[in-house]
Amino acid sequence: MSDVPENRSAGVALNERAMESLEFIRTTMARSAPFTAVSGRAGIAMGLLAIAAAIVARSAGSNEQWLGIWIGCAVIAVPVGLAMMRAKARRYELALWSAAGRRFAQGFLPSIIGGAVLTVALVRADAIELVPAAWLLLYGAGVLAGSSSSVPVLAWLGTLFMAFGTLALFTPAEWRDLWLASGFGVLQIAFGAYIARNHGG
C-alpha cells in the first residue's frame, strides 16, 4: 500500500520534468526561428515611392526642398511598409514582436536612428551632399544586421546598399537622386519581388 503514493509522486515528478523539457524545446525553437514577416510587397511599394521621390526631387529649387521631398517620401513609406508587414504577419498568423522579430528590430533600428541623427548633423555642417551616401550606407548596415534573424537574401540587399553608398561618396553631387533611386527604388523593388515570390508575399 505504501508503494502507491511513492509511485504516484514519481510519476508526477517525471511528468513535470517532461513538461519543463517541452517548454525548453519550444522556447529554443522560437528563439532560433527566422523573422519571416518581412514583406516583399512592402519593399515593392516603398521602391515605387522612392522612384517617384527621385523624379520630383530632381526639380527641387534648393537643397532644403530636395531634403524635404525625400524626408516626405520616408514619412509616407514607413507606415506603408509597417502596414503591409502587419498584414503579412496576420495572414500567416505570425507575431511581429516574437523573439525573431525583436532580434530583427535590434539589428535594424540602431542604424536607422543613427542615420536620422547623422542627417541632422550633416545639414547643420552644410554637408548635405553627403546625405545620400550616409542614408544608403546606414540603411544597408541595418538590413545586413537584421538579416541574421530573417530571410538570408536580406544580407545581399544590405551589402548592395552599402556598396551603392560607398560609390555615392565618389561621384558628383548631381548623381544623388540616381543613387537614391537605384538603392531605395530599384533594389527594393527587385528584392521585394524575390521575397514576395519565394517567402509568401
Foldseek 3Di string as FASTA:
>chain_A
DVVVVVVVVVVVVVVVVVVVVVVVVVLVCQLQAFDLLQALVLLQVLQVLLLVLLVVLLPDPDLVSSVVSVVVSVVVSVVSRVVSSVVSCVVVVHDCPTNLNVQLCVLQVVLVVVLVVVCVVCVVVVNNLLSLLSVLLSNLRSQCSSCVRHPVCSVVLSVVSNVLSVVSVVDDSSCSSVSSSVNSHVSSNVVSVVCVVPRPD
